[in-house]
N, C-alpha and C. Protein backbone atom coordinates (compact mmCIF):
# COMPACT_ATOMS: atom_id res chain seq x y z
N UNK A 1 9.60 -27.70 43.21
CA UNK A 1 10.36 -26.88 42.30
C UNK A 1 10.14 -25.40 42.61
N UNK A 2 8.93 -25.07 42.99
CA UNK A 2 8.62 -23.69 43.33
C UNK A 2 9.43 -23.23 44.54
N UNK A 3 9.68 -24.15 45.47
CA UNK A 3 10.47 -23.79 46.65
C UNK A 3 11.92 -23.50 46.28
N UNK A 4 12.44 -24.23 45.30
CA UNK A 4 13.83 -24.00 44.88
C UNK A 4 13.96 -22.62 44.26
N UNK A 5 13.05 -22.27 43.34
CA UNK A 5 13.10 -20.94 42.72
C UNK A 5 12.86 -19.85 43.75
N UNK A 6 11.98 -20.09 44.67
CA UNK A 6 11.72 -19.12 45.72
C UNK A 6 12.98 -18.90 46.56
N UNK A 7 13.67 -19.97 46.91
CA UNK A 7 14.90 -19.84 47.68
C UNK A 7 15.97 -19.09 46.90
N UNK A 8 16.17 -19.47 45.61
CA UNK A 8 17.26 -18.88 44.83
C UNK A 8 17.06 -17.40 44.53
N UNK A 9 15.85 -16.98 44.29
CA UNK A 9 15.62 -15.62 43.81
C UNK A 9 15.06 -14.66 44.85
N UNK A 10 14.63 -15.16 45.99
CA UNK A 10 14.03 -14.24 46.96
C UNK A 10 14.76 -14.18 48.29
N UNK A 11 15.73 -15.06 48.52
CA UNK A 11 16.47 -15.00 49.78
C UNK A 11 17.90 -14.58 49.53
N UNK A 12 18.50 -13.99 50.52
CA UNK A 12 19.88 -13.52 50.40
C UNK A 12 20.86 -14.69 50.20
N UNK A 13 20.74 -15.78 50.96
CA UNK A 13 21.65 -16.91 50.68
C UNK A 13 21.45 -17.51 49.29
N UNK A 14 20.22 -17.51 48.79
CA UNK A 14 19.96 -18.03 47.46
C UNK A 14 20.62 -17.20 46.38
N UNK A 15 20.57 -15.89 46.53
CA UNK A 15 21.23 -14.99 45.58
C UNK A 15 22.74 -15.19 45.66
N UNK A 16 23.25 -15.43 46.86
CA UNK A 16 24.68 -15.72 47.01
C UNK A 16 25.07 -17.00 46.29
N UNK A 17 24.23 -18.01 46.40
CA UNK A 17 24.48 -19.27 45.69
C UNK A 17 24.51 -19.02 44.19
N UNK A 18 23.57 -18.27 43.67
CA UNK A 18 23.55 -17.96 42.24
C UNK A 18 24.79 -17.18 41.83
N UNK A 19 25.21 -16.23 42.65
CA UNK A 19 26.38 -15.41 42.35
C UNK A 19 27.64 -16.26 42.26
N UNK A 20 27.89 -17.07 43.29
CA UNK A 20 29.11 -17.87 43.30
C UNK A 20 29.07 -19.00 42.27
N UNK A 21 27.89 -19.52 41.99
CA UNK A 21 27.77 -20.52 40.93
C UNK A 21 28.09 -19.89 39.57
N UNK A 22 27.65 -18.67 39.36
CA UNK A 22 27.96 -17.96 38.12
C UNK A 22 29.44 -17.71 37.97
N UNK A 23 30.11 -17.33 39.05
CA UNK A 23 31.56 -17.12 39.00
C UNK A 23 32.28 -18.43 38.70
N UNK A 24 31.84 -19.52 39.32
CA UNK A 24 32.47 -20.82 39.08
C UNK A 24 32.28 -21.27 37.64
N UNK A 25 31.08 -21.11 37.11
CA UNK A 25 30.81 -21.51 35.72
C UNK A 25 31.63 -20.67 34.76
N UNK A 26 31.71 -19.36 35.01
CA UNK A 26 32.51 -18.48 34.16
C UNK A 26 33.98 -18.86 34.22
N UNK A 27 34.48 -19.18 35.41
CA UNK A 27 35.88 -19.57 35.56
C UNK A 27 36.20 -20.86 34.81
N UNK A 28 35.32 -21.83 34.90
CA UNK A 28 35.53 -23.11 34.20
C UNK A 28 35.51 -22.88 32.69
N UNK A 29 34.57 -22.09 32.21
CA UNK A 29 34.48 -21.80 30.77
C UNK A 29 35.73 -21.06 30.30
N UNK A 30 36.21 -20.10 31.07
CA UNK A 30 37.41 -19.36 30.69
C UNK A 30 38.63 -20.29 30.66
N UNK A 31 38.72 -21.20 31.60
CA UNK A 31 39.83 -22.14 31.64
C UNK A 31 39.82 -23.03 30.40
N UNK A 32 38.66 -23.53 30.03
CA UNK A 32 38.55 -24.40 28.86
C UNK A 32 38.88 -23.64 27.58
N UNK A 33 38.35 -22.43 27.45
CA UNK A 33 38.61 -21.64 26.25
C UNK A 33 40.07 -21.22 26.16
N UNK A 34 40.71 -20.96 27.30
CA UNK A 34 42.13 -20.61 27.29
C UNK A 34 42.97 -21.78 26.83
N UNK A 35 42.62 -22.99 27.25
CA UNK A 35 43.36 -24.17 26.81
C UNK A 35 43.25 -24.34 25.30
N UNK A 36 42.05 -24.14 24.76
CA UNK A 36 41.87 -24.27 23.31
C UNK A 36 42.66 -23.20 22.56
N UNK A 37 42.67 -21.97 23.08
CA UNK A 37 43.40 -20.89 22.45
C UNK A 37 44.90 -21.14 22.51
N UNK A 38 45.37 -21.67 23.63
CA UNK A 38 46.80 -21.95 23.79
C UNK A 38 47.26 -23.00 22.78
N UNK A 39 46.43 -23.98 22.49
CA UNK A 39 46.78 -24.99 21.49
C UNK A 39 46.77 -24.40 20.08
N UNK A 40 45.86 -23.45 19.83
CA UNK A 40 45.72 -22.87 18.50
C UNK A 40 46.86 -21.91 18.17
N UNK A 41 47.27 -21.09 19.15
CA UNK A 41 48.31 -20.09 18.95
C UNK A 41 49.53 -20.49 19.77
N UNK A 42 50.44 -21.21 19.16
CA UNK A 42 51.62 -21.73 19.85
C UNK A 42 52.65 -20.62 19.98
N UNK A 43 53.32 -20.58 21.13
CA UNK A 43 54.37 -19.59 21.37
C UNK A 43 55.57 -19.94 20.49
N UNK A 44 55.99 -19.01 19.69
CA UNK A 44 57.08 -19.28 18.75
C UNK A 44 58.43 -18.80 19.27
N UNK A 45 58.49 -18.33 20.48
CA UNK A 45 59.75 -17.88 21.05
C UNK A 45 60.04 -16.43 20.70
N UNK A 46 61.23 -15.97 21.04
CA UNK A 46 61.58 -14.56 20.77
C UNK A 46 61.75 -14.31 19.27
N UNK A 47 61.51 -13.04 18.88
CA UNK A 47 61.64 -12.65 17.48
C UNK A 47 63.11 -12.62 17.08
N UNK A 48 63.36 -12.95 15.84
CA UNK A 48 64.71 -12.85 15.30
C UNK A 48 65.05 -11.40 14.98
N UNK A 49 66.30 -11.16 14.65
CA UNK A 49 66.73 -9.79 14.35
C UNK A 49 66.11 -9.25 13.06
N UNK A 50 65.77 -10.13 12.12
CA UNK A 50 65.22 -9.68 10.85
C UNK A 50 63.71 -9.57 10.85
N UNK A 51 63.06 -9.90 11.96
CA UNK A 51 61.60 -9.82 12.04
C UNK A 51 61.17 -8.50 12.63
N UNK A 52 60.08 -7.97 12.10
CA UNK A 52 59.50 -6.76 12.65
C UNK A 52 58.09 -7.06 13.10
N UNK A 53 57.71 -6.47 14.21
CA UNK A 53 56.35 -6.64 14.70
C UNK A 53 55.43 -5.61 14.08
N UNK A 54 54.19 -5.68 14.44
CA UNK A 54 53.19 -4.75 13.91
C UNK A 54 53.47 -3.31 14.36
N UNK A 55 53.91 -3.15 15.60
CA UNK A 55 54.10 -1.80 16.16
C UNK A 55 55.52 -1.30 16.02
N UNK A 56 56.41 -2.09 15.44
CA UNK A 56 57.82 -1.66 15.31
C UNK A 56 57.99 -0.74 14.14
C-alpha cells in the first residue's frame, strides 16, 4: 500500500493519474446531476404572448 501512495503522490505519472481520474470522476458526477436536474425542471417550450419573464 505504501508503494501505491508513493507512486501516486511522488511521481509525475502518478500525479497525472490522479489528475485525469479527478476529471473523470467530476465529469461522471456532473453528468448524473445534470440528468436529475433535467428531470426536475422540464422545458415548457416558448413563452406565450401574455407571459412575462423576470427580466422583461
